Amino acid sequence: MSSEAIAREVKRRRTFAIISHPDAGKSTMTEALALHARMISEAGAVHGKGGRRSTVSDWMEMEKARGISVSSTALQFSYDAVHSGGEPSVINLVDTPGHADFSEDTYRVLTAVDAAVMLIDAAKGLEPQTLKLFQVCRHRGIPVITVVNKWDRPGQTPLELIDEITERIGLIPTPLYVPVGIAGDFRGLLDRRTGEYIHFERTAGGAKIAPEELVDADAAADREGDAWTAATEESELLSELGQDHDQEMFLAGQTSPMIFTSAMLNFGVRQLLEALVEFAPAPAGRTGIDGTERAVTDPFSAVVFKVQAGMDSSHRDRLAYMRIVSGEFERGMVVTHAQTGKPFATKYAQAVFGRDRSTVDTAYPGDVVGLVNAMALAPGDTLYIEPKVQYPPIPSFAPEHFSALRVTTADKYKQFRKAIDQLDAEGVVQVLRNDLRGDASPVLAAVGPMQFEVVTARLKAEFNVDTVIEPLGYSLARRTDEESAPELSRQRGVEVFHRSDGAILALFSDKWRLQFIEKEHSELTLEPLVAAAD
């Protein structure tokens, strides 16, 4: 395909992730977006009511049981937006874990997107996990669209939410719409650019797209009375304060278009899709570790950001998600794995929507493709067609929880080791080893303790291996080196391990033990590990 044709495909694409605190409605919003794109005929929600189905982007039994997202999944759909320019847009939504314990997985996803939707609860406002993930977006220069969800329930006022976001994170919201009706009495939206009223009709259980009625300002005033007057006054105040959308300031990360929604009722979802198409940036090229620029129209290259196995009992394979950075991908092409220099055949390439899979024959920058049985690939790896390029690796988070893992029966030891190696390669958890403990009792290091639950659940479900987790008395880790390791190993409250990526980590019982050793042994190498907001 010519460079001009690739450029046209890139222009159509929008690749984004939703970031939120648990229970802000992220999975429900994902369903609502898929519904509006006609990918599914009926929306569902985890712990749904009235017969609503289980959320299709959540597939693990743990996710279904607890109503949370643990894994990452990628959804692609076409959407014929008003601002598509005559050709449907291609939307790549990379769904992410919402629970704080899996923020490292979300961090990896944020390396693969060009924009983010920051989903906040109308009643709770900014919550800790949202703040943490927003800082990652800011650090990576990812522009953010703010979505206030659950406006059908009692909550704060629009101006209170706007002030909170401005004061706490310095991001200036520029609402594209103002809700008509207070939180808990969601009637529709005032379109600030046209002055028109978008009135929503409820559907049974919120399972279908909510019908919209477009009403002019005079008719809206007659119909809604004080609720319309309040919305127009808020819109005028925002304009006086200069809080109208500015595309340059948005892309610079200074402002954020804001939309009020109810994902459960499918109110405001179309408006979010339209905003993504109109304002979110199209995919751009990247810089390799040697400083070489790779434009989107250059030969094929891609970054692996997620490796996942055990997605379905009928698919006993391992899937590596790659984000295409440049060029055209064609199924069957042989590419080079930058980390090893070895060729990699792409015969089995798939798009994944929850449990459903379909073959991908071609794809373009911004698209996410799953490579099946990609045993040699790990998160952060680069694939390319000449000329050579290698993109920066994805750093690991600083772990805060540590446990020893052992198999309960000796006859399962071989399966146990194979399973641990697989989960380690996927990035489900960090695996630490040293000579004293040996391979029979590796130490797991995690950002949050629920990662340990995922490990034991998957060991049982996929490998039929029963294991025991034993919490260890360590609370923080530092990177060290071979020269410092012997002295550190002699210190009380310290243990030294090797991680599978080659890093040497020293674990400490608490920050006071670390401070004491840093003071008494200043010659030792003790470097902080990368965290989300670094």
Protein backbone atom coordinates (compact mmCIF):
# COMPACT_ATOMS: atom_id res chain seq x y z
CA MET A 1 0.00 0.00 0.00
CA SER A 2 1.24 3.49 -0.82
CA SER A 3 2.23 6.03 1.85
CA GLU A 4 -0.75 8.15 0.86
CA ALA A 5 -3.16 5.24 1.36
CA ILE A 6 -1.63 4.41 4.76
CA ALA A 7 -1.92 8.08 5.77
CA ARG A 8 -5.64 8.00 4.90
CA GLU A 9 -6.15 4.91 7.06
CA VAL A 10 -4.26 6.51 9.95
CA LYS A 11 -6.39 9.66 9.72
CA ARG A 12 -9.52 7.56 10.28
CA ARG A 13 -8.25 5.95 13.48
CA ARG A 14 -8.67 6.85 17.13
CA THR A 15 -7.01 4.67 19.79
CA PHE A 16 -7.85 5.32 23.41
CA ALA A 17 -8.24 3.78 26.87
CA ILE A 18 -10.66 4.47 29.70
CA ILE A 19 -9.09 5.22 33.07
CA SER A 20 -11.11 5.24 36.27
CA HIS A 21 -11.37 4.26 39.90
CA PRO A 22 -13.10 0.92 40.55
CA ASP A 23 -16.91 1.08 40.26
CA ALA A 24 -16.99 4.30 38.24
CA GLY A 25 -18.72 2.36 35.45
CA LYS A 26 -15.83 1.66 33.08
CA SER A 27 -16.99 -1.77 31.89
CA THR A 28 -20.55 -0.52 31.51
CA MET A 29 -19.28 2.41 29.44
CA THR A 30 -17.28 0.02 27.26
CA GLU A 31 -20.48 -1.93 26.61
CA ALA A 32 -22.40 1.27 25.86
CA LEU A 33 -19.80 2.38 23.31
CA ALA A 34 -19.92 -1.03 21.59
CA LEU A 35 -23.72 -0.81 21.56
CA HIS A 36 -23.68 2.61 19.87
CA ALA A 37 -21.23 1.26 17.29
CA ARG A 38 -23.72 -1.58 16.57
CA MET A 39 -21.17 -4.23 17.58
CA ILE A 40 -23.69 -5.73 19.97
CA SER A 41 -27.46 -5.55 19.94
CA GLU A 42 -28.00 -5.33 23.68
CA ALA A 43 -25.85 -3.93 26.48
CA GLY A 44 -25.00 -5.89 29.62
CA ALA A 45 -23.39 -5.07 32.90
CA VAL A 46 -21.54 -7.11 35.47
CA HIS A 47 -23.97 -7.91 38.29
CA GLY A 48 -26.63 -6.75 35.82
CA LYS A 49 -30.26 -6.40 36.70
CA GLY A 50 -33.36 -7.41 34.87
CA GLY A 51 -31.66 -10.08 32.83
CA ARG A 52 -28.89 -7.88 31.45
CA ARG A 53 -26.00 -9.99 30.31
CA SER A 54 -22.49 -10.18 31.69
CA THR A 55 -20.16 -7.51 30.30
CA VAL A 56 -18.58 -8.93 27.16
CA SER A 57 -15.17 -7.35 27.68
CA ASP A 58 -14.79 -9.11 31.06
CA TRP A 59 -14.02 -12.80 30.62
CA MET A 60 -12.30 -14.19 33.68
CA GLU A 61 -14.41 -15.92 36.30
CA MET A 62 -12.96 -13.61 38.95
CA GLU A 63 -14.09 -10.60 36.93
CA LYS A 64 -17.61 -11.93 36.65
CA ALA A 65 -17.84 -12.88 40.31
CA ARG A 66 -16.60 -9.56 41.66
CA GLY A 67 -17.82 -7.16 38.97
CA ILE A 68 -14.32 -5.85 38.28
CA SER A 69 -11.92 -5.82 35.35
CA VAL A 70 -8.68 -7.68 35.96
CA SER A 71 -7.42 -8.20 32.42
CA SER A 72 -6.96 -5.93 29.43
CA THR A 73 -8.87 -6.48 26.25
CA ALA A 74 -8.99 -4.65 22.90
CA LEU A 75 -12.15 -3.73 21.01
CA GLN A 76 -12.18 -2.33 17.47
CA PHE A 77 -15.26 -0.99 15.76
CA SER A 78 -16.28 1.39 12.99
CA TYR A 79 -18.31 4.46 13.80
CA ASP A 80 -19.88 6.79 11.28
CA ALA A 81 -19.57 10.07 13.14
CA VAL A 82 -20.83 13.48 12.06
CA HIS A 83 -17.19 14.62 11.90
CA SER A 84 -15.83 11.55 10.08
CA GLY A 85 -15.44 13.47 6.83
CA GLY A 86 -17.55 11.08 4.80
CA GLU A 87 -15.73 7.90 5.82
CA PRO A 88 -16.43 5.88 8.98
CA SER A 89 -13.88 6.22 11.73
CA VAL A 90 -12.11 3.19 13.18
CA ILE A 91 -12.21 3.19 16.99
CA ASN A 92 -9.70 1.13 18.97
CA LEU A 93 -10.76 0.94 22.60
CA VAL A 94 -8.18 -0.78 24.77
CA ASP A 95 -10.04 -1.79 27.90
CA THR A 96 -8.02 -1.81 31.10
CA PRO A 97 -8.18 -3.16 34.65
CA GLY A 98 -10.04 -0.77 36.92
CA HIS A 99 -8.83 -2.15 40.24
CA ALA A 100 -5.82 -0.40 41.80
CA ASP A 101 -4.05 -3.72 42.33
CA PHE A 102 -3.68 -4.04 38.54
CA SER A 103 -2.43 -0.52 37.79
CA GLU A 104 0.78 -1.91 36.27
CA ASP A 105 -1.28 -3.57 33.55
CA THR A 106 -3.10 -0.30 32.96
CA TYR A 107 0.25 1.48 32.70
CA ARG A 108 1.25 -0.90 29.89
CA VAL A 109 -1.99 -0.17 28.07
CA LEU A 110 -1.37 3.56 28.32
CA THR A 111 1.81 3.07 26.29
CA ALA A 112 -0.37 1.85 23.43
CA VAL A 113 -2.98 4.63 23.16
CA ASP A 114 -3.14 8.19 21.82
CA ALA A 115 -5.84 9.53 24.15
CA ALA A 116 -7.61 8.64 27.37
CA VAL A 117 -11.13 9.00 28.71
CA MET A 118 -11.04 9.86 32.41
CA LEU A 119 -14.26 8.44 33.81
CA ILE A 120 -15.36 9.84 37.17
CA ASP A 121 -18.36 9.16 39.37
CA ALA A 122 -20.73 12.15 39.60
CA ALA A 123 -21.06 11.70 43.36
CA LYS A 124 -17.48 10.75 44.26
CA GLY A 125 -15.50 12.98 41.92
CA LEU A 126 -11.77 12.34 41.62
CA GLU A 127 -10.73 9.17 43.42
CA PRO A 128 -7.24 7.79 44.20
CA GLN A 129 -6.87 5.36 41.29
CA THR A 130 -8.11 7.97 38.82
CA LEU A 131 -5.57 10.45 40.13
CA LYS A 132 -2.74 7.94 39.83
CA LEU A 133 -3.61 7.02 36.26
CA PHE A 134 -4.13 10.65 35.28
CA GLN A 135 -0.56 11.35 36.39
CA VAL A 136 0.60 8.59 34.04
CA CYS A 137 -1.31 10.25 31.19
CA ARG A 138 0.25 13.61 32.05
CA HIS A 139 3.71 12.06 32.20
CA ARG A 140 3.24 10.41 28.79
CA GLY A 141 1.64 13.49 27.19
CA ILE A 142 -1.67 11.72 26.57
CA PRO A 143 -4.60 14.15 26.12
CA VAL A 144 -7.61 13.42 28.33
CA ILE A 145 -11.35 13.70 27.74
CA THR A 146 -13.26 13.89 31.04
CA VAL A 147 -16.53 11.98 31.34
CA VAL A 148 -18.75 12.44 34.39
CA ASN A 149 -20.69 9.19 34.68
CA LYS A 150 -23.75 8.16 36.71
CA TRP A 151 -25.51 11.50 36.25
CA ASP A 152 -28.76 9.58 36.66
CA ARG A 153 -27.91 9.26 40.37
CA PRO A 154 -27.58 11.95 43.06
CA GLY A 155 -24.20 13.64 42.99
CA GLN A 156 -22.28 16.89 42.96
CA THR A 157 -23.10 19.90 40.79
CA PRO A 158 -21.27 20.44 37.47
CA LEU A 159 -19.43 23.47 38.82
CA GLU A 160 -18.31 21.59 41.94
CA LEU A 161 -16.84 18.82 39.81
CA ILE A 162 -15.16 21.31 37.49
CA ASP A 163 -13.61 23.16 40.43
CA GLU A 164 -12.39 19.91 42.00
CA ILE A 165 -10.62 18.80 38.83
CA THR A 166 -9.07 22.23 38.29
CA GLU A 167 -7.84 22.57 41.87
CA ARG A 168 -6.60 19.02 42.44
CA ILE A 169 -4.86 18.19 39.16
CA GLY A 170 -4.56 21.51 37.36
CA LEU A 171 -6.51 20.28 34.34
CA ILE A 172 -9.10 22.80 33.17
CA PRO A 173 -12.38 21.13 32.10
CA THR A 174 -14.10 22.67 29.09
CA PRO A 175 -17.59 21.12 29.01
CA LEU A 176 -18.90 20.44 25.52
CA TYR A 177 -22.35 19.95 27.03
CA VAL A 178 -24.09 21.00 30.23
CA PRO A 179 -26.55 18.53 31.78
CA VAL A 180 -30.19 19.54 31.92
CA GLY A 181 -31.46 18.42 35.29
CA ILE A 182 -29.43 17.95 38.45
CA ALA A 183 -27.55 14.72 39.19
CA GLY A 184 -30.25 12.14 39.82
CA ASP A 185 -32.68 13.87 37.42
CA PHE A 186 -30.88 13.47 34.09
CA ARG A 187 -33.12 14.77 31.28
CA GLY A 188 -30.67 15.62 28.54
CA LEU A 189 -27.79 17.84 27.46
CA LEU A 190 -27.41 21.45 26.39
CA ASP A 191 -25.05 21.49 23.41
CA ARG A 192 -22.87 24.50 24.20
CA ARG A 193 -21.79 24.98 20.59
CA THR A 194 -25.24 24.98 18.99
CA GLY A 195 -27.41 26.04 21.94
CA GLU A 196 -29.76 23.13 21.22
CA TYR A 197 -31.25 20.66 23.68
CA ILE A 198 -30.63 16.92 23.30
CA HIS A 199 -33.40 15.12 25.16
CA PHE A 200 -32.95 11.41 25.98
CA GLU A 201 -35.65 8.77 26.28
CA ARG A 202 -35.16 5.85 28.67
CA THR A 203 -35.25 2.27 27.41
CA ALA A 204 -36.16 -0.85 29.38
CA GLY A 205 -33.23 -1.67 31.64
CA GLY A 206 -30.96 0.60 29.58
CA ALA A 207 -30.29 -2.33 27.27
CA LYS A 208 -30.89 -0.41 24.02
CA ILE A 209 -29.59 2.84 22.55
CA ALA A 210 -31.48 5.73 24.17
CA PRO A 211 -33.54 7.61 21.55
CA GLU A 212 -32.60 11.28 21.22
CA GLU A 213 -34.79 14.25 20.39
CA LEU A 214 -33.19 17.50 19.23
CA VAL A 215 -35.07 20.55 20.50
CA ASP A 216 -34.34 24.23 19.86
CA ALA A 217 -33.64 26.59 22.76
CA ASP A 218 -37.11 28.20 22.90
CA ALA A 219 -38.91 24.86 22.93
CA ALA A 220 -36.44 23.56 25.53
CA ALA A 221 -37.16 26.52 27.80
CA ASP A 222 -40.90 25.85 27.54
CA ARG A 223 -40.48 22.13 28.19
CA GLU A 224 -37.86 22.09 30.96
CA GLY A 225 -38.38 25.45 32.67
CA ASP A 226 -35.95 26.11 35.53
CA ALA A 227 -33.74 23.13 34.63
CA TRP A 228 -33.08 24.63 31.18
CA THR A 229 -32.51 28.10 32.65
CA ALA A 230 -29.94 26.70 35.11
CA ALA A 231 -28.12 24.88 32.30
CA THR A 232 -27.94 27.98 30.07
CA GLU A 233 -26.69 30.12 32.96
CA GLU A 234 -23.94 27.58 33.74
CA SER A 235 -22.93 27.52 30.07
CA GLU A 236 -22.72 31.31 29.94
CA LEU A 237 -20.65 31.40 33.13
CA LEU A 238 -18.22 28.86 31.71
CA SER A 239 -17.80 30.98 28.56
CA GLU A 240 -17.14 34.06 30.68
CA LEU A 241 -14.43 32.08 32.51
CA GLY A 242 -12.86 31.08 29.19
CA GLN A 243 -13.76 27.41 29.59
CA ASP A 244 -14.69 26.75 25.98
CA HIS A 245 -12.95 24.01 24.03
CA ASP A 246 -9.56 24.90 22.54
CA GLN A 247 -8.00 22.11 20.49
CA GLU A 248 -4.39 23.23 20.92
CA MET A 249 -4.73 23.49 24.70
CA PHE A 250 -6.42 20.08 24.80
CA LEU A 251 -3.63 18.38 22.84
CA ALA A 252 -1.08 20.14 25.07
CA GLY A 253 -2.70 18.56 28.13
CA GLN A 254 -3.86 21.86 29.62
CA THR A 255 -7.61 21.46 29.13
CA SER A 256 -10.05 18.56 28.89
CA PRO A 257 -13.33 18.40 26.96
CA MET A 258 -16.02 17.33 29.43
CA ILE A 259 -19.19 15.29 28.89
CA PHE A 260 -21.91 14.24 31.34
CA THR A 261 -23.26 10.72 30.86
CA SER A 262 -25.11 7.76 32.26
CA ALA A 263 -23.52 4.65 30.78
CA MET A 264 -26.20 2.49 32.42
CA LEU A 265 -28.97 4.39 30.60
CA ASN A 266 -26.89 5.01 27.44
CA PHE A 267 -27.29 8.77 27.87
CA GLY A 268 -24.45 10.89 26.44
CA VAL A 269 -22.61 7.92 24.93
CA ARG A 270 -23.03 9.04 21.32
CA GLN A 271 -21.73 12.46 22.33
CA LEU A 272 -18.58 10.83 23.72
CA LEU A 273 -18.00 8.93 20.48
CA GLU A 274 -18.46 12.11 18.47
CA ALA A 275 -15.97 13.95 20.70
CA LEU A 276 -13.40 11.17 20.31
CA VAL A 277 -13.65 11.31 16.52
CA GLU A 278 -13.58 15.10 16.36
CA PHE A 279 -10.96 15.93 19.00
CA ALA A 280 -8.79 12.91 19.91
CA PRO A 281 -5.52 12.79 17.93
CA ALA A 282 -4.91 10.29 15.18
CA PRO A 283 -1.99 7.86 15.65
CA ALA A 284 1.49 9.39 15.37
CA GLY A 285 4.97 8.01 14.80
CA ARG A 286 7.43 7.24 17.59
CA THR A 287 11.11 7.60 18.42
CA GLY A 288 13.35 4.55 18.79
CA ILE A 289 15.85 4.11 21.62
CA ASP A 290 18.62 5.34 19.29
CA GLY A 291 16.72 8.57 18.57
CA THR A 292 15.52 7.49 15.13
CA GLU A 293 12.09 8.85 14.18
CA ARG A 294 9.63 6.33 12.73
CA ALA A 295 6.75 8.00 10.87
CA VAL A 296 3.39 6.24 10.56
CA THR A 297 3.95 5.86 6.80
CA ASP A 298 7.36 4.19 7.24
CA PRO A 299 7.73 0.38 6.97
CA PHE A 300 5.90 -1.79 9.50
CA SER A 301 6.77 -1.64 13.20
CA ALA A 302 4.83 -2.43 16.36
CA VAL A 303 5.15 -2.57 20.15
CA VAL A 304 3.94 -5.50 22.26
CA PHE A 305 2.19 -4.07 25.32
CA LYS A 306 0.34 -7.06 26.73
CA VAL A 307 0.70 -10.85 26.75
CA GLN A 308 -2.23 -12.96 27.90
CA ALA A 309 -3.01 -16.66 28.15
CA GLY A 310 -5.95 -18.60 29.53
CA MET A 311 -8.52 -16.30 27.96
CA ASP A 312 -10.83 -19.17 27.10
CA SER A 313 -10.79 -22.85 27.99
CA SER A 314 -11.28 -23.65 24.30
CA HIS A 315 -8.22 -21.57 23.32
CA ARG A 316 -5.17 -23.01 25.10
CA ASP A 317 -2.83 -20.48 23.60
CA ARG A 318 -0.92 -17.35 24.41
CA LEU A 319 -1.88 -14.05 22.85
CA ALA A 320 0.49 -11.09 22.49
CA TYR A 321 -1.23 -7.76 21.90
CA MET A 322 0.74 -5.42 19.67
CA ARG A 323 0.02 -1.79 18.88
CA ILE A 324 0.99 -1.01 15.30
CA VAL A 325 3.19 2.08 15.16
CA SER A 326 4.02 2.37 11.47
CA GLY A 327 3.26 0.88 8.08
CA GLU A 328 0.76 -1.72 6.96
CA PHE A 329 0.43 -5.06 8.72
CA GLU A 330 -0.44 -8.07 6.57
CA ARG A 331 -1.19 -11.42 8.15
CA GLY A 332 1.53 -13.93 7.30
CA MET A 333 4.28 -11.37 6.93
CA VAL A 334 7.60 -12.29 8.54
CA VAL A 335 8.90 -9.57 10.82
CA THR A 336 11.99 -9.24 13.02
CA HIS A 337 11.86 -9.45 16.81
CA ALA A 338 14.15 -6.57 17.85
CA GLN A 339 15.10 -8.06 21.24
CA THR A 340 16.48 -11.30 19.75
CA GLY A 341 17.08 -10.41 16.11
CA LYS A 342 15.13 -13.52 15.12
CA PRO A 343 12.35 -13.69 12.50
CA PHE A 344 8.76 -13.97 13.70
CA ALA A 345 5.95 -15.25 11.48
CA THR A 346 2.54 -13.60 11.89
CA LYS A 347 0.38 -16.34 10.39
CA TYR A 348 -2.11 -16.32 13.28
CA ALA A 349 -3.27 -12.75 13.82
CA GLN A 350 -6.57 -12.00 15.50
CA ALA A 351 -8.84 -9.27 16.76
CA VAL A 352 -10.24 -10.03 20.20
CA PHE A 353 -13.58 -8.80 21.53
CA GLY A 354 -14.11 -10.34 24.94
CA ARG A 355 -14.15 -14.09 24.26
CA ASP A 356 -14.86 -13.63 20.56
CA ARG A 357 -12.03 -13.78 18.04
CA SER A 358 -11.77 -13.00 14.35
CA THR A 359 -8.88 -13.24 11.91
CA VAL A 360 -7.08 -10.00 11.02
CA ASP A 361 -5.71 -9.85 7.48
CA THR A 362 -4.57 -6.21 7.44
CA ALA A 363 -4.12 -3.50 10.04
CA TYR A 364 -2.68 0.00 10.28
CA PRO A 365 -1.03 2.34 12.80
CA GLY A 366 -3.20 2.68 15.89
CA ASP A 367 -4.72 -0.77 15.50
CA VAL A 368 -4.25 -3.50 18.10
CA VAL A 369 -3.64 -7.03 16.82
CA GLY A 370 -3.36 -10.23 18.84
CA LEU A 371 -0.59 -12.62 17.77
CA VAL A 372 -1.39 -16.21 18.70
CA ASN A 373 1.16 -18.56 20.29
CA ALA A 374 3.68 -15.76 20.55
CA MET A 375 5.83 -17.60 23.08
CA ALA A 376 8.93 -15.50 22.43
CA LEU A 377 7.26 -12.12 22.94
CA ALA A 378 7.02 -10.11 26.14
CA PRO A 379 5.55 -6.71 27.03
CA GLY A 380 7.74 -3.91 25.69
CA ASP A 381 9.15 -5.91 22.76
CA THR A 382 9.42 -4.39 19.27
CA LEU A 383 8.60 -6.05 15.95
CA TYR A 384 9.67 -4.46 12.67
CA ILE A 385 10.37 -4.70 8.97
CA GLU A 386 13.69 -3.20 7.87
CA PRO A 387 15.07 -0.65 8.52
CA LYS A 388 15.64 -1.72 12.12
CA VAL A 389 13.94 0.09 14.98
CA GLN A 390 13.60 -0.69 18.66
CA TYR A 391 11.26 1.29 20.89
CA PRO A 392 11.95 2.01 24.58
CA PRO A 393 11.00 -0.82 26.96
CA ILE A 394 7.99 -0.59 29.25
CA PRO A 395 9.23 -0.13 32.83
CA SER A 396 7.93 -2.29 35.68
CA PHE A 397 6.19 -0.76 38.67
CA ALA A 398 7.76 -0.74 42.11
CA PRO A 399 6.18 -3.74 43.92
CA GLU A 400 4.74 -3.22 47.39
CA HIS A 401 3.54 -6.73 48.30
CA PHE A 402 5.66 -9.89 48.48
CA SER A 403 4.71 -13.54 48.99
CA ALA A 404 6.40 -16.91 48.65
CA LEU A 405 4.58 -19.42 46.46
CA ARG A 406 4.86 -23.18 46.67
CA VAL A 407 3.08 -26.14 45.12
CA THR A 408 1.20 -28.42 47.52
CA THR A 409 2.12 -31.74 45.88
CA ALA A 410 5.56 -32.73 44.54
CA ASP A 411 4.16 -34.55 41.50
CA LYS A 412 2.89 -31.23 40.13
CA TYR A 413 6.27 -29.49 40.34
CA LYS A 414 7.02 -29.61 36.60
CA GLN A 415 3.64 -28.08 35.75
CA PHE A 416 4.14 -25.54 38.52
CA ARG A 417 7.43 -24.27 37.06
CA LYS A 418 5.99 -24.09 33.55
CA ALA A 419 2.98 -22.15 34.82
CA ILE A 420 5.07 -19.67 36.82
CA ASP A 421 7.29 -19.01 33.80
CA GLN A 422 4.22 -18.33 31.67
CA LEU A 423 2.59 -15.94 34.14
CA ASP A 424 5.92 -14.19 34.62
CA ALA A 425 6.29 -13.67 30.87
CA GLU A 426 2.76 -12.30 30.66
CA GLY A 427 3.54 -9.74 33.35
CA VAL A 428 0.75 -11.00 35.62
CA VAL A 429 3.16 -10.73 38.54
CA GLN A 430 6.89 -10.19 39.03
CA VAL A 431 8.76 -13.41 39.87
CA LEU A 432 11.85 -13.20 42.07
CA ARG A 433 14.36 -15.99 42.73
CA ASN A 434 17.51 -16.56 44.75
CA ASP A 435 19.71 -19.56 45.54
CA LEU A 436 18.49 -19.90 49.11
CA ARG A 437 14.82 -20.37 48.18
CA GLY A 438 15.41 -22.08 44.83
CA ASP A 439 12.85 -22.61 42.06
CA ALA A 440 10.59 -24.62 44.35
CA SER A 441 9.56 -21.51 46.27
CA PRO A 442 9.77 -18.38 44.10
CA VAL A 443 8.80 -15.05 45.56
CA LEU A 444 6.02 -13.11 43.89
CA ALA A 445 6.19 -9.31 43.89
CA ALA A 446 3.06 -7.31 43.13
CA VAL A 447 1.62 -3.81 43.14
CA GLY A 448 -1.51 -5.09 44.87
CA PRO A 449 -2.41 -8.32 46.74
CA MET A 450 -5.22 -9.24 44.35
CA GLN A 451 -2.53 -10.09 41.78
CA PHE A 452 -1.66 -13.06 44.00
CA GLU A 453 -5.29 -14.22 43.84
CA VAL A 454 -5.16 -14.11 40.04
CA VAL A 455 -1.98 -16.21 40.06
CA THR A 456 -3.39 -18.95 42.30
CA ALA A 457 -6.74 -18.96 40.46
CA ARG A 458 -5.08 -19.33 37.06
CA LEU A 459 -2.66 -21.99 38.30
CA LYS A 460 -5.64 -24.06 39.39
CA ALA A 461 -7.89 -23.37 36.38
CA GLU A 462 -5.31 -23.65 33.59
CA PHE A 463 -2.68 -26.04 34.98
CA ASN A 464 -4.60 -27.96 37.66
CA VAL A 465 -1.92 -26.96 40.17
CA ASP A 466 -2.84 -26.25 43.79
CA THR A 467 -0.56 -23.76 45.52
CA VAL A 468 -0.09 -22.01 48.83
CA ILE A 469 0.71 -18.31 49.18
CA GLU A 470 2.78 -17.26 52.20
CA PRO A 471 3.04 -13.48 52.79
CA LEU A 472 6.55 -12.21 53.47
CA GLY A 473 7.55 -9.44 55.83
CA TYR A 474 8.85 -7.06 53.18
CA SER A 475 7.24 -3.78 52.14
CA LEU A 476 9.52 -2.17 49.56
CA ALA A 477 12.19 -2.94 46.98
CA ARG A 478 15.23 -1.22 45.53
CA ARG A 479 17.35 -2.05 42.51
CA THR A 480 20.91 -3.02 43.35
CA ASP A 481 23.91 -4.65 41.61
CA GLU A 482 26.22 -7.67 41.86
CA GLU A 483 28.82 -5.72 43.83
CA SER A 484 26.35 -4.62 46.52
CA ALA A 485 24.39 -7.88 46.78
CA PRO A 486 26.71 -9.78 49.19
CA GLU A 487 26.75 -7.02 51.81
CA LEU A 488 23.00 -6.46 51.52
CA SER A 489 22.37 -10.19 52.00
CA ARG A 490 24.19 -10.01 55.31
CA GLN A 491 21.92 -7.27 56.64
CA ARG A 492 19.01 -8.05 58.93
CA GLY A 493 15.58 -7.46 57.36
CA VAL A 494 16.96 -7.60 53.81
CA GLU A 495 16.85 -10.28 51.10
CA VAL A 496 18.31 -10.08 47.60
CA PHE A 497 16.67 -11.60 44.51
CA HIS A 498 17.08 -11.78 40.74
CA ARG A 499 14.09 -10.81 38.59
CA SER A 500 13.45 -12.50 35.25
CA ASP A 501 14.38 -9.36 33.30
CA GLY A 502 17.88 -9.47 34.82
CA ALA A 503 17.32 -6.83 37.49
CA ILE A 504 18.68 -7.48 40.99
CA LEU A 505 16.27 -6.39 43.69
CA ALA A 506 16.84 -5.95 47.40
CA LEU A 507 13.70 -6.31 49.54
CA PHE A 508 13.43 -4.42 52.83
CA SER A 509 11.20 -5.03 55.83
CA ASP A 510 10.31 -1.34 56.13
CA LYS A 511 11.46 2.15 55.17
CA TRP A 512 13.38 2.59 58.43
CA ARG A 513 15.53 -0.46 57.72
CA LEU A 514 16.22 0.96 54.25
CA GLN A 515 17.11 4.38 55.66
CA PHE A 516 19.46 2.84 58.23
CA ILE A 517 21.34 0.83 55.59
CA GLU A 518 21.55 3.80 53.23
CA LYS A 519 23.11 5.81 56.05
CA GLU A 520 25.50 3.13 57.29
CA HIS A 521 26.47 1.79 53.85
CA SER A 522 26.35 4.74 51.50
CA GLU A 523 28.66 2.89 49.10
CA LEU A 524 25.93 0.35 48.22
CA THR A 525 23.78 0.73 45.11
CA LEU A 526 20.12 1.21 46.06
CA GLU A 527 18.02 2.77 43.30
CA PRO A 528 14.28 3.48 43.45
CA LEU A 529 12.18 1.50 41.00
CA VAL A 530 9.88 3.12 38.48
CA ALA A 531 6.37 3.90 39.72
CA ALA A 532 3.31 5.10 37.84
CA ALA A 533 3.73 8.81 38.40
CA ASP A 534 7.48 8.96 37.77
